[in-house]
């Protein structure tokens, strides 16, 4: 640990015969550097672990490379790689809604499990609250399945695709070969001035580069968008599919690596740092994110200079008619928040008097470009559609 401290360490012993229950190990520290979780990766052909505890401990010692180290086994368990997702998250009556591991199960690659379960809850919670309070139609609850099931399906595939990329790397390194002689031959190929050596090195480079989809897969984590009744896109000149084609990278690999943000209805509200105006002498207040000033159980309408005069009365009318809180927030010179680094200007995709309407789960659900003034009652019309009325 003095020379290579890290959260995860891959342990191999190509010089030793490898048992099928543990072709390699992954060491993850719990308390640096005295307590660890050791994951033994079984050969893909193994369907049942029959190794004894003493055999497992012997393999751990072998992978560590020092049999003198004292190891205290606190617990052991067996887990399987899952690749399954529910085709429906909600029943037809709309009174049963499932989330988390109940609807998507996959290996831990890309670190998407807890995130996805929390996002399920984030999507469902405000819809349940609004429906139970009578602020939304029960129809709103059907959008939970419509919005989240495609995300769960993608996440399961993404995590397992990464697992398959790891398997390709293991094959390239010879880790799936049980005997030391075969592994020694493969290891020798890496430095061989032969066509086989060149092919082996090229395969290794590709395997490592492909795994950027795990190490740097921000797009895989963040490029999620919704299309449902709870998203109002009728004022958009382009369809969702046309918009996605214009802003997303062409290949699946690049889409996985590249985070694409937009205020197109259905996208996450882009994060931008904003300044808090300070009118008295003294230090500046800490920056806040656009995501800090939205959410918190209410709808938020973001606008710019001159926008409050347009959208304030619209929001007041919608609140009076529907009882739903709509907070109008101005961003820009002399507004509620300052666009300190012009980040909102670059990401808002509407004019200064335009509007970006954000749901309680911080998803953009509608926007008005602001080239023309909206008709009377436009915001109420949009809100009624989003809430299922």
Protein backbone atom coordinates (compact mmCIF):
# COMPACT_ATOMS: atom_id res chain seq x y z
CA UNK A 1 0.00 0.00 0.00
CA UNK A 2 2.96 2.35 0.37
CA UNK A 3 3.55 2.37 -3.38
CA UNK A 4 0.07 1.87 -4.79
CA UNK A 5 -2.70 3.03 -2.46
CA UNK A 6 -6.12 2.77 -4.00
CA UNK A 7 -9.75 1.84 -3.48
CA UNK A 8 -9.66 -1.24 -5.73
CA UNK A 9 -6.83 -3.65 -6.49
CA UNK A 10 -7.03 -6.51 -9.00
CA UNK A 11 -5.09 -9.56 -7.76
CA UNK A 12 -3.78 -12.24 -10.12
CA UNK A 13 -1.21 -15.03 -9.94
CA UNK A 14 -0.42 -16.13 -13.50
CA UNK A 15 2.44 -18.24 -12.14
CA UNK A 16 0.05 -20.51 -10.20
CA UNK A 17 -2.68 -22.95 -11.25
CA UNK A 18 -5.93 -21.14 -10.70
CA UNK A 19 -9.03 -22.66 -9.12
CA UNK A 20 -12.25 -22.20 -11.05
CA UNK A 21 -13.92 -20.52 -8.06
CA UNK A 22 -11.37 -17.70 -8.05
CA UNK A 23 -9.51 -16.97 -11.28
CA UNK A 24 -8.68 -13.51 -9.93
CA UNK A 25 -9.46 -11.39 -6.93
CA UNK A 26 -10.60 -7.81 -6.43
CA UNK A 27 -9.55 -6.21 -3.13
CA UNK A 28 -11.55 -3.22 -1.93
CA UNK A 29 -10.57 -1.56 1.29
CA UNK A 30 -13.11 -0.88 4.02
CA UNK A 31 -10.65 0.56 6.56
CA UNK A 32 -7.33 1.53 5.02
CA UNK A 33 -5.36 -0.67 5.17
CA UNK A 34 -6.56 -3.22 7.69
CA UNK A 35 -10.02 -4.30 6.58
CA UNK A 36 -10.94 -5.43 3.08
CA UNK A 37 -13.61 -6.99 0.96
CA UNK A 38 -12.03 -9.62 -1.28
CA UNK A 39 -14.16 -10.53 -4.29
CA UNK A 40 -13.16 -13.78 -5.97
CA UNK A 41 -14.25 -13.87 -9.60
CA UNK A 42 -15.26 -17.35 -10.67
CA UNK A 43 -14.70 -18.76 -14.15
CA UNK A 44 -17.73 -18.03 -16.42
CA UNK A 45 -18.49 -21.76 -16.61
CA UNK A 46 -18.96 -22.09 -12.84
CA UNK A 47 -22.59 -22.37 -11.75
CA UNK A 48 -22.12 -23.42 -8.11
CA UNK A 49 -19.40 -22.68 -5.55
CA UNK A 50 -18.30 -25.90 -3.81
CA UNK A 51 -14.96 -24.71 -2.43
CA UNK A 52 -14.43 -25.05 1.30
CA UNK A 53 -13.59 -22.13 3.56
CA UNK A 54 -10.01 -23.33 3.89
CA UNK A 55 -9.65 -23.51 0.09
CA UNK A 56 -11.02 -20.00 -0.25
CA UNK A 57 -8.66 -18.64 2.41
CA UNK A 58 -5.72 -20.41 0.78
CA UNK A 59 -6.57 -18.74 -2.53
CA UNK A 60 -6.80 -15.33 -0.85
CA UNK A 61 -3.36 -15.82 0.69
CA UNK A 62 -2.03 -16.92 -2.69
CA UNK A 63 -3.41 -13.85 -4.44
CA UNK A 64 -1.99 -11.54 -1.78
CA UNK A 65 1.36 -13.22 -2.28
CA UNK A 66 2.31 -13.40 1.38
CA UNK A 67 1.15 -16.45 3.39
CA UNK A 68 2.46 -14.91 6.63
CA UNK A 69 -0.19 -12.20 6.71
CA UNK A 70 -2.81 -12.96 9.34
CA UNK A 71 -6.35 -12.86 7.95
CA UNK A 72 -9.51 -12.89 10.04
CA UNK A 73 -12.57 -13.86 8.03
CA UNK A 74 -15.53 -11.81 9.26
CA UNK A 75 -18.13 -12.93 6.73
CA UNK A 76 -18.51 -14.54 3.34
CA UNK A 77 -21.33 -14.67 0.85
CA UNK A 78 -22.04 -15.65 -2.74
CA UNK A 79 -23.55 -13.29 -5.28
CA UNK A 80 -24.48 -13.81 -8.88
CA UNK A 81 -24.37 -11.47 -11.83
CA UNK A 82 -27.91 -10.44 -12.76
CA UNK A 83 -29.15 -9.09 -16.06
CA UNK A 84 -32.86 -8.56 -15.61
CA UNK A 85 -35.37 -5.72 -15.49
CA UNK A 86 -39.12 -5.47 -15.12
CA UNK A 87 -41.18 -4.78 -18.21
CA UNK A 88 -43.60 -2.77 -16.08
CA UNK A 89 -42.95 -0.78 -12.91
CA UNK A 90 -46.62 -0.09 -12.10
CA UNK A 91 -49.78 -2.18 -12.30
CA UNK A 92 -52.69 -1.27 -14.54
CA UNK A 93 -54.78 0.04 -11.61
CA UNK A 94 -52.04 2.49 -10.65
CA UNK A 95 -51.98 1.49 -6.98
CA UNK A 96 -48.80 -0.61 -7.00
CA UNK A 97 -45.44 0.91 -7.95
CA UNK A 98 -42.11 -0.92 -7.71
CA UNK A 99 -38.61 0.53 -7.66
CA UNK A 100 -34.97 -0.21 -6.95
CA UNK A 101 -33.71 -3.80 -7.04
CA UNK A 102 -37.28 -5.02 -7.41
CA UNK A 103 -37.26 -3.82 -11.03
CA UNK A 104 -33.61 -3.71 -12.13
CA UNK A 105 -30.74 -6.01 -11.13
CA UNK A 106 -27.25 -5.89 -12.53
CA UNK A 107 -23.58 -6.12 -11.53
CA UNK A 108 -21.92 -3.14 -9.81
CA UNK A 109 -19.96 -1.99 -12.86
CA UNK A 110 -20.25 1.77 -13.56
CA UNK A 111 -21.67 2.29 -10.05
CA UNK A 112 -25.24 2.70 -11.27
CA UNK A 113 -27.24 0.62 -8.79
CA UNK A 114 -27.91 2.93 -5.84
CA UNK A 115 -28.10 5.96 -8.12
CA UNK A 116 -30.81 4.38 -10.23
CA UNK A 117 -32.85 3.23 -7.22
CA UNK A 118 -32.71 6.70 -5.67
CA UNK A 119 -33.74 8.26 -8.99
CA UNK A 120 -36.73 5.89 -9.13
CA UNK A 121 -37.84 7.18 -5.73
CA UNK A 122 -37.13 10.78 -6.71
CA UNK A 123 -39.37 10.43 -9.76
CA UNK A 124 -42.20 8.67 -7.92
CA UNK A 125 -42.27 10.60 -4.62
CA UNK A 126 -43.49 13.97 -5.87
CA UNK A 127 -46.08 12.34 -8.13
CA UNK A 128 -47.49 10.37 -5.20
CA UNK A 129 -47.51 13.49 -3.00
CA UNK A 130 -49.29 15.63 -5.59
CA UNK A 131 -51.85 12.92 -6.32
CA UNK A 132 -52.61 12.21 -2.64
CA UNK A 133 -53.00 15.96 -1.97
CA UNK A 134 -55.42 16.30 -4.89
CA UNK A 135 -53.05 18.59 -6.78
CA UNK A 136 -52.68 16.15 -9.68
CA UNK A 137 -54.84 13.58 -11.42
CA UNK A 138 -54.13 9.89 -10.65
CA UNK A 139 -53.15 9.76 -14.34
CA UNK A 140 -49.87 11.38 -13.33
CA UNK A 141 -48.80 8.16 -11.60
CA UNK A 142 -48.78 6.26 -14.90
CA UNK A 143 -45.88 8.43 -16.04
CA UNK A 144 -43.61 6.83 -13.43
CA UNK A 145 -43.50 3.59 -15.42
CA UNK A 146 -43.32 5.44 -18.75
CA UNK A 147 -40.33 7.50 -17.65
CA UNK A 148 -38.32 5.17 -15.45
CA UNK A 149 -38.67 1.74 -17.08
CA UNK A 150 -36.58 2.70 -20.16
CA UNK A 151 -33.90 4.05 -17.82
CA UNK A 152 -33.79 0.81 -15.83
CA UNK A 153 -33.58 -1.23 -19.01
CA UNK A 154 -30.65 0.85 -20.22
CA UNK A 155 -28.82 0.69 -16.88
CA UNK A 156 -29.05 -3.10 -16.72
CA UNK A 157 -27.67 -3.38 -20.25
CA UNK A 158 -24.95 -0.80 -19.60
CA UNK A 159 -23.64 -2.50 -16.46
CA UNK A 160 -23.61 -5.93 -18.10
CA UNK A 161 -21.96 -4.58 -21.24
CA UNK A 162 -19.18 -3.31 -18.98
CA UNK A 163 -18.96 -6.75 -17.36
CA UNK A 164 -18.53 -8.21 -20.84
CA UNK A 165 -15.77 -5.69 -21.55
CA UNK A 166 -14.00 -6.90 -18.40
CA UNK A 167 -14.37 -10.49 -19.59
CA UNK A 168 -12.73 -9.53 -22.89
CA UNK A 169 -9.81 -8.05 -20.94
CA UNK A 170 -9.50 -11.21 -18.85
CA UNK A 171 -9.40 -13.32 -22.00
CA UNK A 172 -6.76 -11.07 -23.53
CA UNK A 173 -4.58 -11.45 -20.44
CA UNK A 174 -5.08 -15.22 -20.41
CA UNK A 175 -6.87 -15.22 -17.05
CA UNK A 176 -9.49 -17.67 -18.29
CA UNK A 177 -6.79 -20.27 -19.02
CA UNK A 178 -6.38 -22.58 -16.02
CA UNK A 179 -2.76 -23.71 -16.39
CA UNK A 180 0.38 -21.61 -15.84
CA UNK A 181 1.98 -22.83 -19.11
CA UNK A 182 -0.76 -21.32 -21.27
CA UNK A 183 -0.69 -18.09 -19.30
CA UNK A 184 3.09 -17.94 -19.61
CA UNK A 185 2.81 -18.33 -23.38
CA UNK A 186 0.25 -15.50 -23.54
CA UNK A 187 2.42 -13.29 -21.34
CA UNK A 188 5.40 -13.92 -23.63
CA UNK A 189 3.34 -12.81 -26.64
CA UNK A 190 3.07 -9.29 -25.23
CA UNK A 191 6.78 -8.71 -25.83
CA UNK A 192 7.17 -10.92 -28.90
CA UNK A 193 8.25 -9.42 -32.23
CA UNK A 194 5.72 -11.54 -34.11
CA UNK A 195 2.31 -11.09 -35.77
CA UNK A 196 0.78 -12.87 -32.78
CA UNK A 197 2.52 -10.50 -30.40
CA UNK A 198 1.34 -7.47 -32.35
CA UNK A 199 -2.24 -8.79 -32.35
CA UNK A 200 -2.09 -9.48 -28.61
CA UNK A 201 -0.89 -5.95 -27.84
CA UNK A 202 -3.55 -4.41 -30.09
CA UNK A 203 -6.26 -6.47 -28.39
CA UNK A 204 -4.99 -5.35 -24.99
CA UNK A 205 -4.99 -1.66 -25.98
CA UNK A 206 -8.53 -1.96 -27.30
CA UNK A 207 -9.73 -3.73 -24.17
CA UNK A 208 -8.31 -0.99 -21.95
CA UNK A 209 -9.69 1.81 -24.11
CA UNK A 210 -13.12 0.20 -24.30
CA UNK A 211 -13.22 0.20 -20.51
CA UNK A 212 -13.22 3.99 -20.62
CA UNK A 213 -16.97 3.37 -20.74
CA UNK A 214 -16.71 2.40 -17.08
CA UNK A 215 -14.02 4.80 -15.86
CA UNK A 216 -15.31 7.87 -17.70
CA UNK A 217 -18.91 6.91 -18.51
CA UNK A 218 -20.52 10.19 -17.46
CA UNK A 219 -22.91 10.07 -20.39
CA UNK A 220 -24.06 6.62 -19.37
CA UNK A 221 -24.86 8.00 -15.93
CA UNK A 222 -26.37 11.35 -16.88
CA UNK A 223 -27.82 11.21 -20.42
CA UNK A 224 -31.34 10.29 -19.37
CA UNK A 225 -34.46 11.96 -20.65
CA UNK A 226 -38.16 11.43 -20.22
CA UNK A 227 -41.00 11.37 -22.72
CA UNK A 228 -44.45 11.16 -21.14
CA UNK A 229 -47.65 13.01 -20.39
CA UNK A 230 -45.80 14.77 -17.57
CA UNK A 231 -43.55 16.44 -20.16
CA UNK A 232 -45.04 19.19 -22.36
CA UNK A 233 -43.29 19.36 -25.73
CA UNK A 234 -46.01 20.78 -27.98
CA UNK A 235 -44.27 24.17 -28.21
CA UNK A 236 -41.03 22.65 -29.51
CA UNK A 237 -40.22 23.09 -33.23
CA UNK A 238 -38.40 19.73 -33.32
CA UNK A 239 -39.48 16.33 -32.03
CA UNK A 240 -37.55 14.59 -29.26
CA UNK A 241 -36.01 12.10 -31.71
CA UNK A 242 -34.85 14.89 -34.03
CA UNK A 243 -33.42 16.83 -31.10
CA UNK A 244 -31.55 13.80 -29.78
CA UNK A 245 -30.12 13.12 -33.23
CA UNK A 246 -28.79 16.68 -33.38
CA UNK A 247 -27.18 16.90 -29.93
CA UNK A 248 -26.00 13.37 -29.07
CA UNK A 249 -22.71 11.91 -30.34
CA UNK A 250 -23.11 9.45 -33.21
CA UNK A 251 -21.71 6.27 -31.65
CA UNK A 252 -22.89 4.43 -28.53
CA UNK A 253 -19.32 4.55 -27.21
CA UNK A 254 -19.12 8.35 -27.46
CA UNK A 255 -22.63 8.73 -26.01
CA UNK A 256 -21.52 6.74 -22.98
CA UNK A 257 -18.49 9.00 -22.45
CA UNK A 258 -20.07 12.38 -23.21
CA UNK A 259 -22.52 14.13 -20.90
CA UNK A 260 -25.02 16.11 -22.95
CA UNK A 261 -27.11 18.73 -21.15
CA UNK A 262 -30.13 20.59 -22.52
CA UNK A 263 -33.27 22.41 -21.42
CA UNK A 264 -35.30 20.47 -23.99
CA UNK A 265 -38.39 19.18 -22.14
CA UNK A 266 -37.62 15.80 -20.57
CA UNK A 267 -33.95 16.46 -19.83
CA UNK A 268 -32.42 16.99 -16.40
CA UNK A 269 -32.11 20.66 -15.56
CA UNK A 270 -28.49 21.56 -16.44
CA UNK A 271 -26.24 22.43 -13.53
CA UNK A 272 -24.87 25.99 -13.67
CA UNK A 273 -23.17 27.92 -10.88
CA UNK A 274 -25.04 31.14 -10.02
CA UNK A 275 -24.12 34.09 -7.88
CA UNK A 276 -26.21 35.50 -5.06
CA UNK A 277 -26.47 39.30 -5.33
CA UNK A 278 -24.71 41.22 -2.54
CA UNK A 279 -25.87 44.82 -2.15
CA UNK A 280 -23.80 45.81 0.88
CA UNK A 281 -20.02 46.03 1.12
CA UNK A 282 -18.38 42.80 2.13
CA UNK A 283 -17.51 39.35 0.83
CA UNK A 284 -19.50 37.67 -1.88
CA UNK A 285 -21.98 34.96 -0.93
CA UNK A 286 -21.20 31.35 -1.90
CA UNK A 287 -22.26 30.26 -5.37
CA UNK A 288 -25.38 28.15 -5.73
CA UNK A 289 -26.39 25.70 -8.43
CA UNK A 290 -29.44 25.98 -10.64
CA UNK A 291 -30.33 22.63 -9.10
CA UNK A 292 -30.16 24.12 -5.61
CA UNK A 293 -32.80 26.76 -6.39
CA UNK A 294 -35.23 24.27 -7.95
CA UNK A 295 -37.01 21.20 -6.62
CA UNK A 296 -37.89 21.10 -2.90
CA UNK A 297 -41.41 19.89 -3.68
CA UNK A 298 -42.50 22.72 -5.98
CA UNK A 299 -42.44 23.70 -9.64
CA UNK A 300 -39.93 26.42 -10.54
CA UNK A 301 -40.04 28.69 -13.58
CA UNK A 302 -36.64 30.12 -14.54
CA UNK A 303 -36.61 33.31 -16.57
CA UNK A 304 -34.39 36.34 -17.20
CA UNK A 305 -34.46 40.14 -17.36
CA UNK A 306 -38.03 41.28 -18.10
CA UNK A 307 -39.33 37.76 -17.67
CA UNK A 308 -40.88 38.17 -14.25
CA UNK A 309 -43.29 40.78 -15.60
CA UNK A 310 -44.47 38.20 -18.12
CA UNK A 311 -44.48 35.04 -16.02
CA UNK A 312 -45.30 36.40 -12.57
CA UNK A 313 -48.96 37.05 -13.45
CA UNK A 314 -49.16 33.74 -15.33
CA UNK A 315 -47.86 31.86 -12.28
CA UNK A 316 -50.25 33.71 -9.95
CA UNK A 317 -53.22 32.75 -12.10
CA UNK A 318 -52.12 29.11 -12.24
CA UNK A 319 -51.64 29.02 -8.46
CA UNK A 320 -55.09 30.53 -7.85
CA UNK A 321 -56.78 28.15 -10.29
CA UNK A 322 -54.98 24.94 -9.34
CA UNK A 323 -53.51 25.41 -5.87
CA UNK A 324 -50.09 24.29 -7.13
CA UNK A 325 -47.09 26.38 -6.14
CA UNK A 326 -45.03 27.74 -9.03
CA UNK A 327 -41.95 29.69 -7.97
CA UNK A 328 -40.75 32.27 -10.52
CA UNK A 329 -37.00 32.89 -10.36
CA UNK A 330 -35.06 35.47 -12.36
CA UNK A 331 -31.46 34.88 -13.46
CA UNK A 332 -29.29 37.73 -14.80
CA UNK A 333 -28.26 41.29 -14.04
CA UNK A 334 -30.35 42.68 -11.18
CA UNK A 335 -32.31 39.44 -10.81
CA UNK A 336 -32.70 36.94 -7.98
CA UNK A 337 -29.46 35.25 -9.06
CA UNK A 338 -26.54 36.39 -11.19
CA UNK A 339 -25.27 34.45 -14.18
CA UNK A 340 -21.73 34.85 -12.85
CA UNK A 341 -19.86 32.84 -15.49
CA UNK A 342 -22.51 33.16 -18.27
CA UNK A 343 -23.16 29.45 -17.87
CA UNK A 344 -26.93 29.86 -17.84
CA UNK A 345 -26.77 32.02 -20.95
CA UNK A 346 -24.93 29.19 -22.70
CA UNK A 347 -27.28 26.43 -21.53
CA UNK A 348 -30.74 27.96 -21.17
CA UNK A 349 -31.63 27.74 -24.91
CA UNK A 350 -34.36 30.38 -24.48
CA UNK A 351 -34.45 34.17 -24.75
CA UNK A 352 -34.22 36.42 -21.69
CA UNK A 353 -38.00 36.70 -21.40
CA UNK A 354 -38.38 33.03 -22.14
CA UNK A 355 -39.08 30.42 -19.51
CA UNK A 356 -37.81 27.02 -18.40
CA UNK A 357 -40.31 25.17 -16.23
CA UNK A 358 -38.78 22.63 -13.84
CA UNK A 359 -40.66 19.86 -12.02
CA UNK A 360 -40.12 19.06 -8.32
CA UNK A 361 -37.71 16.28 -9.40
CA UNK A 362 -35.60 18.89 -11.24
CA UNK A 363 -36.62 17.66 -14.69
CA UNK A 364 -37.36 20.27 -17.34
CA UNK A 365 -41.02 19.72 -18.24
CA UNK A 366 -41.67 22.69 -20.59
CA UNK A 367 -40.01 25.76 -21.99
CA UNK A 368 -41.08 28.88 -23.86
CA UNK A 369 -38.47 30.26 -26.20
CA UNK A 370 -39.55 33.85 -25.61
CA UNK A 371 -39.48 35.09 -29.19
CA UNK A 372 -43.18 35.95 -28.82
CA UNK A 373 -45.21 36.66 -25.69
CA UNK A 374 -47.34 33.76 -24.48
CA UNK A 375 -51.10 33.86 -24.64
CA UNK A 376 -53.11 34.50 -21.50
CA UNK A 377 -53.32 31.39 -19.33
CA UNK A 378 -50.57 29.54 -21.20
CA UNK A 379 -48.76 28.43 -18.04
CA UNK A 380 -51.98 27.11 -16.48
CA UNK A 381 -52.67 25.16 -19.68
CA UNK A 382 -49.23 23.59 -19.51
CA UNK A 383 -49.51 22.78 -15.81
CA UNK A 384 -52.89 21.09 -16.25
CA UNK A 385 -51.46 18.90 -19.01
CA UNK A 386 -48.38 17.96 -16.98
CA UNK A 387 -50.48 17.08 -13.90
CA UNK A 388 -52.80 14.86 -15.89
CA UNK A 389 -55.96 16.98 -16.00
